[in-house]
Amino acid sequence: MDFGFTEEQEKLRQEFRTLFNKWQKEGTVDPEQTSLLGQPHSPMFYREVAERGFIGAAFPKEYGGSELGWQTLTLFQEEAAYLRAPISLSLSGTVLNFLGELIAE
């Protein structure tokens, strides 16, 4: 049994890393960056990630999601945590996705 990532998942991981590294290496500064729920949070970065459909990855399109699924959301969150992306994973993961799904139901 193979527990590795699929080719598509590897491409997504690379896309996430490229995005996160861009913010780390270029030293992009968001004057509105704050701490949200104890984690660094950049509204500019959040907006860019949302535009790519990664915030509502598990939501149906009819509710503003991108229907990329829970696996994509999990990959996104793992890479974001690993690379210390300036996004509150508590907000983007727990609140928006889990609570959002409950509200949608």
N, C-alpha and C. Protein backbone atom coordinates (compact mmCIF):
# COMPACT_ATOMS: atom_id res chain seq x y z
N MET A 1 0.83 -1.17 0.00
CA MET A 1 0.00 0.00 0.00
C MET A 1 0.89 1.24 0.00
N ASP A 2 0.59 2.18 -0.87
CA ASP A 2 1.37 3.40 -1.03
C ASP A 2 0.70 4.54 -0.27
N PHE A 3 1.39 5.09 0.72
CA PHE A 3 0.84 6.19 1.51
C PHE A 3 1.41 7.54 1.07
N GLY A 4 2.12 7.55 -0.03
CA GLY A 4 2.71 8.79 -0.53
C GLY A 4 1.67 9.68 -1.20
N PHE A 5 2.10 10.87 -1.56
CA PHE A 5 1.22 11.80 -2.25
C PHE A 5 1.09 11.42 -3.71
N THR A 6 -0.07 11.71 -4.29
CA THR A 6 -0.27 11.49 -5.71
C THR A 6 0.49 12.59 -6.47
N GLU A 7 0.60 12.43 -7.75
CA GLU A 7 1.27 13.44 -8.58
C GLU A 7 0.54 14.78 -8.47
N GLU A 8 -0.78 14.74 -8.49
CA GLU A 8 -1.58 15.97 -8.38
C GLU A 8 -1.36 16.65 -7.02
N GLN A 9 -1.31 15.85 -5.96
CA GLN A 9 -1.07 16.40 -4.63
C GLN A 9 0.33 17.01 -4.52
N GLU A 10 1.31 16.38 -5.13
CA GLU A 10 2.67 16.93 -5.13
C GLU A 10 2.70 18.28 -5.85
N LYS A 11 1.96 18.40 -6.95
CA LYS A 11 1.89 19.67 -7.68
C LYS A 11 1.27 20.75 -6.80
N LEU A 12 0.20 20.40 -6.08
CA LEU A 12 -0.43 21.35 -5.17
C LEU A 12 0.53 21.77 -4.06
N ARG A 13 1.23 20.81 -3.48
CA ARG A 13 2.19 21.13 -2.42
C ARG A 13 3.25 22.10 -2.94
N GLN A 14 3.71 21.88 -4.16
CA GLN A 14 4.71 22.77 -4.74
C GLN A 14 4.11 24.16 -4.98
N GLU A 15 2.87 24.21 -5.43
CA GLU A 15 2.21 25.50 -5.64
C GLU A 15 2.09 26.25 -4.31
N PHE A 16 1.72 25.54 -3.24
CA PHE A 16 1.62 26.17 -1.92
C PHE A 16 2.99 26.68 -1.47
N ARG A 17 4.00 25.84 -1.63
CA ARG A 17 5.35 26.23 -1.19
C ARG A 17 5.86 27.45 -1.96
N THR A 18 5.59 27.48 -3.26
CA THR A 18 6.00 28.62 -4.06
C THR A 18 5.32 29.89 -3.57
N LEU A 19 4.04 29.80 -3.30
CA LEU A 19 3.29 30.95 -2.79
C LEU A 19 3.81 31.39 -1.43
N PHE A 20 3.97 30.44 -0.51
CA PHE A 20 4.42 30.79 0.84
C PHE A 20 5.85 31.32 0.82
N ASN A 21 6.71 30.70 0.04
CA ASN A 21 8.10 31.15 -0.04
C ASN A 21 8.21 32.54 -0.64
N LYS A 22 7.33 32.86 -1.57
CA LYS A 22 7.32 34.19 -2.16
C LYS A 22 7.16 35.23 -1.06
N TRP A 23 6.29 34.95 -0.14
CA TRP A 23 6.06 35.88 0.96
C TRP A 23 7.21 35.89 1.95
N GLN A 24 7.87 34.75 2.12
CA GLN A 24 8.99 34.68 3.06
C GLN A 24 10.25 35.32 2.46
N LYS A 25 10.60 34.91 1.24
CA LYS A 25 11.85 35.34 0.62
C LYS A 25 11.82 36.80 0.18
N GLU A 26 10.71 37.21 -0.40
CA GLU A 26 10.63 38.59 -0.87
C GLU A 26 10.45 39.56 0.29
N GLY A 27 10.15 39.01 1.45
CA GLY A 27 9.96 39.87 2.61
C GLY A 27 8.77 40.78 2.44
N THR A 28 7.75 40.29 1.75
CA THR A 28 6.56 41.10 1.53
C THR A 28 6.03 41.58 2.88
N VAL A 29 5.82 42.86 2.98
CA VAL A 29 5.35 43.44 4.23
C VAL A 29 3.91 43.88 4.06
N ASP A 30 3.09 43.45 4.97
CA ASP A 30 1.69 43.86 4.99
C ASP A 30 1.53 44.79 6.18
N PRO A 31 1.28 46.07 5.94
CA PRO A 31 1.15 47.01 7.05
C PRO A 31 -0.01 46.68 7.98
N GLU A 32 -0.93 45.85 7.50
CA GLU A 32 -2.09 45.48 8.31
C GLU A 32 -1.87 44.16 9.05
N GLN A 33 -0.68 43.57 8.93
CA GLN A 33 -0.45 42.27 9.57
C GLN A 33 -0.59 42.40 11.08
N THR A 34 -1.31 41.45 11.63
CA THR A 34 -1.56 41.43 13.07
C THR A 34 -1.39 40.01 13.58
N SER A 35 -1.78 39.84 14.81
CA SER A 35 -1.84 38.51 15.39
C SER A 35 -3.32 38.18 15.53
N LEU A 36 -3.72 37.05 14.99
CA LEU A 36 -5.12 36.65 15.06
C LEU A 36 -5.18 35.27 15.69
N LEU A 37 -5.87 35.18 16.81
CA LEU A 37 -5.96 33.92 17.55
C LEU A 37 -4.58 33.37 17.87
N GLY A 38 -3.66 34.28 18.17
CA GLY A 38 -2.31 33.89 18.57
C GLY A 38 -1.38 33.52 17.43
N GLN A 39 -1.80 33.75 16.20
CA GLN A 39 -0.97 33.42 15.04
C GLN A 39 -0.83 34.64 14.15
N PRO A 40 0.31 34.76 13.42
CA PRO A 40 0.46 35.90 12.51
C PRO A 40 -0.60 35.83 11.42
N HIS A 41 -1.14 36.99 11.09
CA HIS A 41 -2.19 37.02 10.07
C HIS A 41 -2.01 38.25 9.19
N SER A 42 -1.90 38.01 7.89
CA SER A 42 -1.76 39.08 6.92
C SER A 42 -3.00 39.12 6.03
N PRO A 43 -3.79 40.19 6.10
CA PRO A 43 -4.95 40.30 5.22
C PRO A 43 -4.58 40.24 3.73
N MET A 44 -3.42 40.80 3.36
CA MET A 44 -2.99 40.75 1.95
C MET A 44 -2.74 39.30 1.52
N PHE A 45 -2.04 38.56 2.35
CA PHE A 45 -1.75 37.16 2.03
C PHE A 45 -3.05 36.35 2.01
N TYR A 46 -3.90 36.59 2.98
CA TYR A 46 -5.18 35.89 3.06
C TYR A 46 -5.99 36.12 1.78
N ARG A 47 -6.01 37.37 1.32
CA ARG A 47 -6.74 37.72 0.10
C ARG A 47 -6.19 36.94 -1.10
N GLU A 48 -4.86 36.88 -1.22
CA GLU A 48 -4.24 36.17 -2.33
C GLU A 48 -4.59 34.67 -2.29
N VAL A 49 -4.52 34.10 -1.10
CA VAL A 49 -4.84 32.68 -0.94
C VAL A 49 -6.32 32.42 -1.25
N ALA A 50 -7.19 33.31 -0.80
CA ALA A 50 -8.62 33.17 -1.05
C ALA A 50 -8.93 33.27 -2.55
N GLU A 51 -8.27 34.19 -3.25
CA GLU A 51 -8.48 34.34 -4.68
C GLU A 51 -8.12 33.08 -5.45
N ARG A 52 -7.16 32.32 -4.92
CA ARG A 52 -6.75 31.07 -5.56
C ARG A 52 -7.66 29.90 -5.19
N GLY A 53 -8.63 30.15 -4.30
CA GLY A 53 -9.60 29.12 -3.94
C GLY A 53 -9.18 28.18 -2.83
N PHE A 54 -8.13 28.53 -2.08
CA PHE A 54 -7.63 27.61 -1.07
C PHE A 54 -8.31 27.76 0.29
N ILE A 55 -8.94 28.90 0.55
CA ILE A 55 -9.60 29.09 1.83
C ILE A 55 -10.87 28.24 1.90
N GLY A 56 -11.70 28.33 0.90
CA GLY A 56 -12.93 27.54 0.87
C GLY A 56 -12.79 26.28 0.04
N ALA A 57 -11.66 25.64 0.15
CA ALA A 57 -11.35 24.48 -0.71
C ALA A 57 -12.39 23.37 -0.61
N ALA A 58 -12.95 23.18 0.56
CA ALA A 58 -13.87 22.06 0.74
C ALA A 58 -15.34 22.45 0.50
N PHE A 59 -15.60 23.74 0.33
CA PHE A 59 -16.99 24.18 0.15
C PHE A 59 -17.46 23.99 -1.29
N PRO A 60 -18.76 23.73 -1.45
CA PRO A 60 -19.33 23.69 -2.80
C PRO A 60 -19.30 25.09 -3.42
N LYS A 61 -19.25 25.16 -4.72
CA LYS A 61 -19.20 26.45 -5.42
C LYS A 61 -20.42 27.30 -5.12
N GLU A 62 -21.55 26.68 -4.90
CA GLU A 62 -22.78 27.44 -4.62
C GLU A 62 -22.68 28.24 -3.33
N TYR A 63 -21.74 27.88 -2.44
CA TYR A 63 -21.52 28.61 -1.20
C TYR A 63 -20.22 29.40 -1.24
N GLY A 64 -19.68 29.61 -2.42
CA GLY A 64 -18.47 30.41 -2.56
C GLY A 64 -17.17 29.63 -2.46
N GLY A 65 -17.26 28.31 -2.41
CA GLY A 65 -16.06 27.48 -2.31
C GLY A 65 -15.49 27.15 -3.67
N SER A 66 -14.45 26.36 -3.66
CA SER A 66 -13.80 25.97 -4.91
C SER A 66 -13.90 24.47 -5.18
N GLU A 67 -14.53 23.73 -4.26
CA GLU A 67 -14.73 22.29 -4.42
C GLU A 67 -13.44 21.52 -4.68
N LEU A 68 -12.35 21.96 -4.07
CA LEU A 68 -11.08 21.25 -4.22
C LEU A 68 -10.98 20.08 -3.24
N GLY A 69 -11.81 20.08 -2.22
CA GLY A 69 -11.88 18.95 -1.30
C GLY A 69 -11.06 19.09 -0.03
N TRP A 70 -11.37 18.19 0.91
CA TRP A 70 -10.71 18.20 2.21
C TRP A 70 -9.23 17.84 2.12
N GLN A 71 -8.87 16.99 1.18
CA GLN A 71 -7.45 16.63 1.06
C GLN A 71 -6.63 17.84 0.66
N THR A 72 -7.17 18.65 -0.26
CA THR A 72 -6.45 19.86 -0.68
C THR A 72 -6.35 20.83 0.49
N LEU A 73 -7.44 20.98 1.22
CA LEU A 73 -7.41 21.86 2.38
C LEU A 73 -6.38 21.38 3.40
N THR A 74 -6.31 20.09 3.63
CA THR A 74 -5.35 19.53 4.57
C THR A 74 -3.92 19.77 4.09
N LEU A 75 -3.66 19.54 2.81
CA LEU A 75 -2.33 19.81 2.27
C LEU A 75 -1.96 21.28 2.45
N PHE A 76 -2.92 22.16 2.15
CA PHE A 76 -2.69 23.59 2.30
C PHE A 76 -2.31 23.92 3.74
N GLN A 77 -3.08 23.41 4.68
CA GLN A 77 -2.83 23.72 6.09
C GLN A 77 -1.49 23.16 6.58
N GLU A 78 -1.15 21.95 6.14
CA GLU A 78 0.13 21.37 6.54
C GLU A 78 1.29 22.21 6.02
N GLU A 79 1.24 22.59 4.76
CA GLU A 79 2.32 23.39 4.18
C GLU A 79 2.37 24.77 4.81
N ALA A 80 1.21 25.36 5.06
CA ALA A 80 1.16 26.69 5.68
C ALA A 80 1.79 26.66 7.07
N ALA A 81 1.48 25.63 7.82
CA ALA A 81 2.05 25.50 9.17
C ALA A 81 3.56 25.26 9.10
N TYR A 82 3.96 24.37 8.20
CA TYR A 82 5.37 24.02 8.07
C TYR A 82 6.22 25.23 7.67
N LEU A 83 5.69 26.03 6.75
CA LEU A 83 6.45 27.18 6.24
C LEU A 83 6.11 28.49 6.96
N ARG A 84 5.31 28.39 8.00
CA ARG A 84 4.94 29.55 8.81
C ARG A 84 4.35 30.68 7.98
N ALA A 85 3.39 30.33 7.18
CA ALA A 85 2.71 31.33 6.35
C ALA A 85 1.96 32.31 7.25
N PRO A 86 1.88 33.58 6.82
CA PRO A 86 1.22 34.59 7.66
C PRO A 86 -0.31 34.50 7.57
N ILE A 87 -0.83 33.38 8.02
CA ILE A 87 -2.28 33.18 7.98
C ILE A 87 -2.68 32.43 9.25
N SER A 88 -3.74 32.88 9.85
CA SER A 88 -4.22 32.21 11.05
C SER A 88 -4.88 30.90 10.66
N LEU A 89 -4.21 29.80 10.96
CA LEU A 89 -4.77 28.49 10.61
C LEU A 89 -6.00 28.18 11.45
N SER A 90 -6.09 28.79 12.62
CA SER A 90 -7.30 28.60 13.43
C SER A 90 -8.50 29.18 12.69
N LEU A 91 -8.32 30.35 12.08
CA LEU A 91 -9.41 30.98 11.36
C LEU A 91 -9.69 30.27 10.05
N SER A 92 -8.66 30.09 9.24
CA SER A 92 -8.88 29.52 7.90
C SER A 92 -9.24 28.04 7.95
N GLY A 93 -8.81 27.35 8.97
CA GLY A 93 -9.10 25.92 9.05
C GLY A 93 -10.32 25.61 9.87
N THR A 94 -10.23 25.88 11.13
CA THR A 94 -11.29 25.48 12.04
C THR A 94 -12.57 26.28 11.85
N VAL A 95 -12.45 27.57 11.99
CA VAL A 95 -13.65 28.40 11.98
C VAL A 95 -14.33 28.39 10.63
N LEU A 96 -13.61 28.76 9.57
CA LEU A 96 -14.25 28.88 8.27
C LEU A 96 -14.70 27.56 7.69
N ASN A 97 -13.88 26.56 7.80
CA ASN A 97 -14.21 25.30 7.13
C ASN A 97 -15.12 24.41 7.95
N PHE A 98 -14.78 24.15 9.18
CA PHE A 98 -15.61 23.24 9.96
C PHE A 98 -16.91 23.89 10.40
N LEU A 99 -16.83 25.11 10.93
CA LEU A 99 -18.04 25.80 11.34
C LEU A 99 -18.85 26.21 10.11
N GLY A 100 -18.16 26.62 9.06
CA GLY A 100 -18.84 27.00 7.83
C GLY A 100 -19.64 25.86 7.24
N GLU A 101 -19.07 24.66 7.28
CA GLU A 101 -19.79 23.49 6.76
C GLU A 101 -21.04 23.21 7.59
N LEU A 102 -20.93 23.38 8.89
CA LEU A 102 -22.07 23.19 9.78
C LEU A 102 -23.17 24.20 9.46
N ILE A 103 -22.80 25.44 9.25
CA ILE A 103 -23.77 26.48 8.91
C ILE A 103 -24.41 26.19 7.56
N ALA A 104 -23.61 25.74 6.60
CA ALA A 104 -24.13 25.42 5.27
C ALA A 104 -25.16 24.29 5.32
N GLU A 105 -24.92 23.31 6.21
CA GLU A 105 -25.87 22.21 6.37
C GLU A 105 -27.19 22.72 6.88
